[in-house]
């Protein structure tokens, strides 16, 4: 079942943005902008790649969608309500999601007065297959 659009957004709600958010919410993994575009372009009312990119920029800025940088130069996106961390293999470049966040309660403010609004954590190492290949 696709995720509902989070309430309280300050952006203009268009049918294109709703369609893009539903595609992201229905995915079982993080998607690149191009993968999102492939999912939404074959609709009755097609959506262009530029619209996908602009919408993603808005969603990230407003905290609705989180980008994931997994070491291959491509940005992937997932709903922020599904926040989790990632493991990236330095051998094969594969990645997987951790079910739980390893930073369960980041501080709201640091001692210096910095206001923390979120975080991203990516752990690097070697998957089981690459470890066997190195042995």
N, C-alpha and C. Protein backbone atom coordinates (compact mmCIF):
# COMPACT_ATOMS: atom_id res chain seq x y z
N UNK A 1 0.84 -1.18 0.00
CA UNK A 1 0.00 0.00 0.00
C UNK A 1 0.89 1.24 0.00
N UNK A 2 0.68 2.16 -0.94
CA UNK A 2 1.52 3.35 -1.00
C UNK A 2 1.38 4.20 0.25
N UNK A 3 2.48 4.83 0.62
CA UNK A 3 2.48 5.69 1.79
C UNK A 3 1.69 6.96 1.51
N UNK A 4 1.00 7.43 2.49
CA UNK A 4 0.26 8.68 2.36
C UNK A 4 1.23 9.85 2.39
N UNK A 5 0.84 10.94 1.78
CA UNK A 5 1.69 12.13 1.78
C UNK A 5 1.70 12.72 3.18
N UNK A 6 2.87 13.03 3.71
CA UNK A 6 2.96 13.61 5.05
C UNK A 6 2.21 14.93 5.14
N UNK A 7 1.53 15.18 6.24
CA UNK A 7 0.79 16.43 6.39
C UNK A 7 1.70 17.60 6.69
N UNK A 8 1.17 18.81 6.53
CA UNK A 8 1.86 20.01 6.96
C UNK A 8 2.94 20.51 6.03
N UNK A 9 2.91 20.11 4.77
CA UNK A 9 3.94 20.58 3.85
C UNK A 9 3.62 21.99 3.39
N UNK A 10 4.68 22.77 3.17
CA UNK A 10 4.51 24.15 2.75
C UNK A 10 4.50 24.30 1.23
N UNK A 11 4.70 23.25 0.51
CA UNK A 11 4.77 23.34 -0.94
C UNK A 11 3.38 23.23 -1.57
N UNK A 12 3.34 23.62 -2.82
CA UNK A 12 2.11 23.48 -3.58
C UNK A 12 1.91 22.01 -3.91
N UNK A 13 0.77 21.48 -3.61
CA UNK A 13 0.49 20.08 -3.86
C UNK A 13 -0.07 19.92 -5.27
N UNK A 14 0.72 19.29 -6.15
CA UNK A 14 0.27 19.05 -7.51
C UNK A 14 0.08 17.56 -7.72
N UNK A 15 -0.65 17.18 -8.76
CA UNK A 15 -0.86 15.76 -9.03
C UNK A 15 0.47 15.09 -9.36
N UNK A 16 1.41 15.84 -10.00
CA UNK A 16 2.71 15.26 -10.32
C UNK A 16 3.48 14.92 -9.05
N UNK A 17 3.50 15.85 -8.11
CA UNK A 17 4.23 15.61 -6.86
C UNK A 17 3.60 14.47 -6.06
N UNK A 18 2.29 14.41 -6.05
CA UNK A 18 1.62 13.30 -5.37
C UNK A 18 1.95 11.97 -6.00
N UNK A 19 1.99 11.92 -7.33
CA UNK A 19 2.33 10.69 -8.05
C UNK A 19 3.77 10.28 -7.75
N UNK A 20 4.68 11.25 -7.74
CA UNK A 20 6.09 10.96 -7.45
C UNK A 20 6.25 10.45 -6.02
N UNK A 21 5.60 11.07 -5.06
CA UNK A 21 5.68 10.62 -3.67
C UNK A 21 5.12 9.21 -3.51
N UNK A 22 4.03 8.92 -4.18
CA UNK A 22 3.45 7.57 -4.09
C UNK A 22 4.40 6.54 -4.68
N UNK A 23 5.08 6.88 -5.77
CA UNK A 23 6.06 5.96 -6.38
C UNK A 23 7.21 5.69 -5.42
N UNK A 24 7.69 6.73 -4.75
CA UNK A 24 8.78 6.56 -3.78
C UNK A 24 8.30 5.71 -2.61
N UNK A 25 7.11 6.01 -2.10
CA UNK A 25 6.56 5.28 -0.96
C UNK A 25 6.28 3.82 -1.25
N UNK A 26 5.95 3.50 -2.51
CA UNK A 26 5.62 2.12 -2.87
C UNK A 26 6.85 1.27 -3.12
N UNK A 27 8.01 1.91 -3.26
CA UNK A 27 9.24 1.18 -3.57
C UNK A 27 9.74 0.41 -2.35
N UNK A 28 10.33 -0.75 -2.61
CA UNK A 28 10.89 -1.54 -1.51
C UNK A 28 12.33 -1.16 -1.22
N UNK A 29 12.89 -0.26 -2.04
CA UNK A 29 14.26 0.19 -1.82
C UNK A 29 14.39 1.63 -2.29
N UNK A 30 15.56 2.21 -2.09
CA UNK A 30 15.82 3.57 -2.54
C UNK A 30 15.83 3.61 -4.07
N UNK A 31 15.36 4.71 -4.62
CA UNK A 31 15.30 4.86 -6.07
C UNK A 31 16.10 6.08 -6.51
N UNK A 32 16.72 6.00 -7.68
CA UNK A 32 17.34 7.16 -8.29
C UNK A 32 16.24 7.98 -8.96
N UNK A 33 16.55 9.21 -9.33
CA UNK A 33 15.58 10.05 -10.04
C UNK A 33 15.14 9.38 -11.34
N UNK A 34 16.08 8.75 -12.03
CA UNK A 34 15.75 8.08 -13.28
C UNK A 34 14.82 6.89 -13.05
N UNK A 35 15.04 6.13 -11.98
CA UNK A 35 14.15 5.01 -11.66
C UNK A 35 12.74 5.51 -11.30
N UNK A 36 12.68 6.60 -10.56
CA UNK A 36 11.38 7.19 -10.23
C UNK A 36 10.69 7.62 -11.51
N UNK A 37 11.44 8.27 -12.40
CA UNK A 37 10.88 8.72 -13.68
C UNK A 37 10.32 7.56 -14.48
N UNK A 38 11.04 6.45 -14.55
CA UNK A 38 10.54 5.27 -15.28
C UNK A 38 9.23 4.78 -14.70
N UNK A 39 9.06 4.90 -13.39
CA UNK A 39 7.82 4.44 -12.76
C UNK A 39 6.64 5.38 -13.00
N UNK A 40 6.90 6.65 -13.23
CA UNK A 40 5.79 7.61 -13.35
C UNK A 40 5.56 8.09 -14.79
N UNK A 41 6.45 7.80 -15.70
CA UNK A 41 6.29 8.34 -17.06
C UNK A 41 5.27 7.59 -17.90
N UNK A 42 4.96 6.39 -17.56
CA UNK A 42 4.04 5.59 -18.36
C UNK A 42 2.61 5.66 -17.86
N UNK A 43 2.28 6.73 -17.22
CA UNK A 43 0.93 6.94 -16.70
C UNK A 43 0.07 7.57 -17.79
N UNK A 44 -1.21 7.67 -17.48
CA UNK A 44 -2.14 8.32 -18.40
C UNK A 44 -1.68 9.75 -18.70
N UNK A 45 -1.17 10.40 -17.67
CA UNK A 45 -0.61 11.75 -17.81
C UNK A 45 0.87 11.65 -17.49
N UNK A 46 1.74 11.58 -18.49
CA UNK A 46 3.18 11.40 -18.24
C UNK A 46 3.80 12.57 -17.48
N UNK A 47 4.86 12.25 -16.76
CA UNK A 47 5.61 13.24 -15.98
C UNK A 47 7.04 13.25 -16.51
N UNK A 48 7.57 14.43 -16.77
CA UNK A 48 8.92 14.56 -17.32
C UNK A 48 10.00 14.40 -16.26
N UNK A 49 11.20 14.08 -16.71
CA UNK A 49 12.33 13.90 -15.81
C UNK A 49 12.67 15.19 -15.07
N UNK A 50 12.57 16.33 -15.72
CA UNK A 50 12.85 17.60 -15.06
C UNK A 50 11.88 17.84 -13.91
N UNK A 51 10.63 17.46 -14.08
CA UNK A 51 9.64 17.59 -13.00
C UNK A 51 10.00 16.70 -11.83
N UNK A 52 10.50 15.50 -12.11
CA UNK A 52 10.92 14.58 -11.04
C UNK A 52 12.07 15.22 -10.26
N UNK A 53 13.07 15.75 -10.95
CA UNK A 53 14.20 16.37 -10.27
C UNK A 53 13.77 17.57 -9.43
N UNK A 54 12.94 18.44 -9.98
CA UNK A 54 12.48 19.61 -9.22
C UNK A 54 11.68 19.19 -7.99
N UNK A 55 10.84 18.19 -8.16
CA UNK A 55 10.04 17.71 -7.03
C UNK A 55 10.93 17.11 -5.95
N UNK A 56 11.93 16.34 -6.35
CA UNK A 56 12.85 15.74 -5.38
C UNK A 56 13.60 16.82 -4.60
N UNK A 57 14.04 17.88 -5.28
CA UNK A 57 14.70 18.98 -4.59
C UNK A 57 13.79 19.59 -3.54
N UNK A 58 12.53 19.78 -3.88
CA UNK A 58 11.55 20.33 -2.93
C UNK A 58 11.34 19.37 -1.77
N UNK A 59 11.15 18.11 -2.06
CA UNK A 59 10.91 17.11 -1.01
C UNK A 59 12.08 17.02 -0.04
N UNK A 60 13.31 17.04 -0.56
CA UNK A 60 14.50 16.97 0.30
C UNK A 60 14.60 18.23 1.15
N UNK A 61 14.41 19.38 0.54
CA UNK A 61 14.49 20.66 1.28
C UNK A 61 13.48 20.70 2.42
N UNK A 62 12.31 20.13 2.23
CA UNK A 62 11.27 20.16 3.25
C UNK A 62 11.29 18.95 4.17
N UNK A 63 12.25 18.04 3.98
CA UNK A 63 12.39 16.91 4.89
C UNK A 63 11.42 15.77 4.66
N UNK A 64 10.76 15.74 3.52
CA UNK A 64 9.80 14.68 3.21
C UNK A 64 10.52 13.45 2.67
N UNK A 65 11.58 13.69 1.92
CA UNK A 65 12.36 12.63 1.29
C UNK A 65 13.81 12.80 1.71
N UNK A 66 14.50 11.68 1.95
CA UNK A 66 15.92 11.71 2.31
C UNK A 66 16.76 11.17 1.17
N UNK A 67 17.82 11.89 0.81
CA UNK A 67 18.74 11.35 -0.19
C UNK A 67 19.70 10.38 0.48
N UNK A 68 20.14 9.40 -0.28
CA UNK A 68 21.15 8.45 0.19
C UNK A 68 22.30 8.45 -0.81
N UNK A 69 23.51 8.63 -0.31
CA UNK A 69 24.72 8.65 -1.14
C UNK A 69 25.47 7.36 -0.81
N UNK A 70 25.47 6.42 -1.74
CA UNK A 70 25.98 5.10 -1.43
C UNK A 70 27.28 4.76 -2.15
N UNK A 71 28.05 5.78 -2.47
CA UNK A 71 29.39 5.56 -2.96
C UNK A 71 29.53 5.30 -4.44
N UNK A 72 28.46 5.28 -5.20
CA UNK A 72 28.58 5.02 -6.64
C UNK A 72 28.32 6.27 -7.48
N UNK A 73 28.24 7.43 -6.83
CA UNK A 73 28.02 8.67 -7.54
C UNK A 73 26.57 8.97 -7.87
N UNK A 74 25.67 8.08 -7.53
CA UNK A 74 24.25 8.28 -7.80
C UNK A 74 23.53 8.57 -6.49
N UNK A 75 22.57 9.46 -6.54
CA UNK A 75 21.78 9.78 -5.36
C UNK A 75 20.50 8.97 -5.44
N UNK A 76 20.16 8.34 -4.33
CA UNK A 76 18.91 7.57 -4.24
C UNK A 76 18.02 8.23 -3.20
N UNK A 77 16.72 8.01 -3.33
CA UNK A 77 15.76 8.70 -2.49
C UNK A 77 14.78 7.71 -1.85
N UNK A 78 14.39 8.04 -0.61
CA UNK A 78 13.36 7.28 0.11
C UNK A 78 12.61 8.26 1.00
N UNK A 79 11.40 7.88 1.40
CA UNK A 79 10.63 8.73 2.30
C UNK A 79 11.37 8.90 3.62
N UNK A 80 11.36 10.09 4.16
CA UNK A 80 12.06 10.37 5.41
C UNK A 80 11.46 9.62 6.59
N UNK A 81 10.18 9.30 6.53
CA UNK A 81 9.55 8.58 7.63
C UNK A 81 10.08 7.16 7.74
N UNK A 82 10.77 6.68 6.72
CA UNK A 82 11.36 5.34 6.72
C UNK A 82 12.87 5.41 6.95
N UNK A 83 13.31 6.39 7.76
CA UNK A 83 14.74 6.63 7.97
C UNK A 83 15.45 5.37 8.47
N UNK A 84 16.61 5.12 7.88
CA UNK A 84 17.46 4.01 8.29
C UNK A 84 18.87 4.27 7.77
N UNK A 85 19.80 3.46 8.18
CA UNK A 85 21.20 3.61 7.81
C UNK A 85 21.55 2.60 6.71
N UNK A 86 22.76 2.72 6.16
CA UNK A 86 23.17 1.85 5.06
C UNK A 86 24.56 1.26 5.30
N UNK A 87 24.76 0.08 4.72
CA UNK A 87 26.06 -0.58 4.68
C UNK A 87 26.48 -0.60 3.22
N UNK A 88 27.69 -0.15 2.91
CA UNK A 88 28.19 -0.11 1.54
C UNK A 88 29.45 -0.95 1.46
N UNK A 89 29.49 -1.87 0.50
CA UNK A 89 30.66 -2.74 0.32
C UNK A 89 31.70 -2.02 -0.52
N UNK A 90 32.92 -1.95 0.00
CA UNK A 90 34.03 -1.32 -0.71
C UNK A 90 34.59 -2.21 -1.81
N UNK A 91 34.23 -3.49 -1.79
CA UNK A 91 34.72 -4.43 -2.80
C UNK A 91 33.88 -4.40 -4.06
N UNK A 92 32.60 -4.69 -3.93
CA UNK A 92 31.73 -4.82 -5.10
C UNK A 92 30.83 -3.61 -5.32
N UNK A 93 30.76 -2.71 -4.33
CA UNK A 93 29.90 -1.54 -4.46
C UNK A 93 28.45 -1.80 -4.10
N UNK A 94 28.15 -3.02 -3.69
CA UNK A 94 26.78 -3.34 -3.28
C UNK A 94 26.43 -2.62 -1.98
N UNK A 95 25.15 -2.52 -1.71
CA UNK A 95 24.72 -1.86 -0.48
C UNK A 95 23.47 -2.53 0.05
N UNK A 96 23.26 -2.33 1.32
CA UNK A 96 22.04 -2.83 1.96
C UNK A 96 21.62 -1.88 3.05
N UNK A 97 20.36 -1.93 3.37
CA UNK A 97 19.81 -1.07 4.42
C UNK A 97 19.85 -1.79 5.75
N UNK A 98 20.13 -1.05 6.81
CA UNK A 98 19.99 -1.57 8.17
C UNK A 98 18.55 -1.29 8.60
N UNK A 99 17.96 -2.21 9.31
CA UNK A 99 16.58 -2.03 9.74
C UNK A 99 16.41 -0.93 10.77
N UNK A 100 17.43 -0.68 11.54
CA UNK A 100 17.32 0.29 12.63
C UNK A 100 18.33 1.41 12.44
N UNK A 101 17.99 2.55 12.94
CA UNK A 101 18.90 3.69 12.93
C UNK A 101 19.90 3.52 14.06
N UNK A 102 21.17 3.73 13.78
CA UNK A 102 22.21 3.58 14.80
C UNK A 102 22.40 4.84 15.64
N UNK A 103 21.71 5.91 15.28
CA UNK A 103 21.73 7.15 16.05
C UNK A 103 20.29 7.43 16.45
N UNK A 104 19.79 6.70 17.45
CA UNK A 104 18.36 6.77 17.75
C UNK A 104 17.85 8.13 18.19
N UNK A 105 18.66 8.90 18.89
CA UNK A 105 18.19 10.20 19.38
C UNK A 105 19.29 11.24 19.23
N UNK A 106 19.44 11.82 18.01
CA UNK A 106 20.46 12.86 17.89
C UNK A 106 20.10 14.06 18.74
N UNK A 107 21.10 14.79 19.20
CA UNK A 107 20.80 15.96 20.05
C UNK A 107 20.05 17.03 19.26
N UNK A 108 19.15 17.74 19.92
CA UNK A 108 18.46 18.85 19.29
C UNK A 108 19.38 20.03 19.10
N UNK A 109 20.24 20.27 20.07
CA UNK A 109 21.24 21.35 20.00
C UNK A 109 22.54 20.85 20.59
N UNK A 110 23.62 21.29 19.97
CA UNK A 110 24.93 20.94 20.50
C UNK A 110 25.34 22.00 21.52
N UNK A 111 26.44 21.75 22.21
CA UNK A 111 26.95 22.72 23.18
C UNK A 111 27.28 24.07 22.54
N UNK A 112 27.64 24.04 21.26
CA UNK A 112 27.98 25.29 20.57
C UNK A 112 26.75 26.05 20.08
N UNK A 113 25.57 25.45 20.25
CA UNK A 113 24.34 26.10 19.82
C UNK A 113 23.85 25.67 18.45
N UNK A 114 24.56 24.73 17.81
CA UNK A 114 24.14 24.22 16.50
C UNK A 114 22.85 23.44 16.67
N UNK A 115 21.85 23.76 15.85
CA UNK A 115 20.55 23.08 15.91
C UNK A 115 20.54 21.92 14.93
N UNK A 116 20.47 20.69 15.42
CA UNK A 116 20.49 19.49 14.60
C UNK A 116 19.07 19.20 14.12
N UNK A 117 18.92 19.04 12.80
CA UNK A 117 17.60 18.73 12.24
C UNK A 117 17.54 17.33 11.64
N UNK A 118 18.67 16.66 11.49
CA UNK A 118 18.67 15.32 10.95
C UNK A 118 20.09 14.81 10.80
N UNK A 119 20.21 13.58 10.29
CA UNK A 119 21.53 13.00 10.08
C UNK A 119 21.45 11.91 9.03
N UNK A 120 22.63 11.54 8.51
CA UNK A 120 22.79 10.40 7.61
C UNK A 120 24.03 9.66 8.06
N UNK A 121 23.94 8.36 8.10
CA UNK A 121 25.08 7.55 8.49
C UNK A 121 25.22 6.40 7.50
N UNK A 122 26.39 6.28 6.90
CA UNK A 122 26.69 5.19 5.99
C UNK A 122 27.93 4.49 6.52
N UNK A 123 27.84 3.18 6.67
CA UNK A 123 28.95 2.38 7.15
C UNK A 123 29.58 1.64 5.97
N UNK A 124 30.90 1.68 5.88
CA UNK A 124 31.63 1.06 4.79
C UNK A 124 32.40 -0.14 5.29
N UNK A 125 32.51 -1.15 4.46
CA UNK A 125 33.23 -2.36 4.80
C UNK A 125 33.15 -3.34 3.64
N UNK A 126 33.14 -4.64 3.93
CA UNK A 126 33.12 -5.66 2.89
C UNK A 126 32.01 -6.66 3.16
N UNK A 127 31.23 -6.94 2.13
CA UNK A 127 30.13 -7.91 2.25
C UNK A 127 30.72 -9.32 2.40
N UNK A 128 29.88 -10.26 2.75
CA UNK A 128 30.33 -11.64 2.97
C UNK A 128 30.97 -12.22 1.72
N UNK A 129 30.40 -11.96 0.53
CA UNK A 129 30.95 -12.50 -0.70
C UNK A 129 32.35 -11.95 -0.98
N UNK A 130 32.55 -10.64 -0.77
CA UNK A 130 33.86 -10.04 -1.01
C UNK A 130 34.87 -10.51 0.03
N UNK A 131 34.42 -10.76 1.25
CA UNK A 131 35.34 -11.28 2.28
C UNK A 131 35.81 -12.67 1.91
N UNK A 132 34.91 -13.51 1.39
CA UNK A 132 35.30 -14.86 0.96
C UNK A 132 36.28 -14.79 -0.20
N UNK A 133 36.07 -13.84 -1.12
CA UNK A 133 36.96 -13.70 -2.29
C UNK A 133 38.35 -13.24 -1.87
N UNK A 134 38.45 -12.47 -0.79
CA UNK A 134 39.74 -11.97 -0.32
C UNK A 134 40.51 -13.02 0.46
N UNK A 135 39.81 -14.02 1.00
CA UNK A 135 40.45 -15.03 1.85
C UNK A 135 41.32 -15.97 1.07
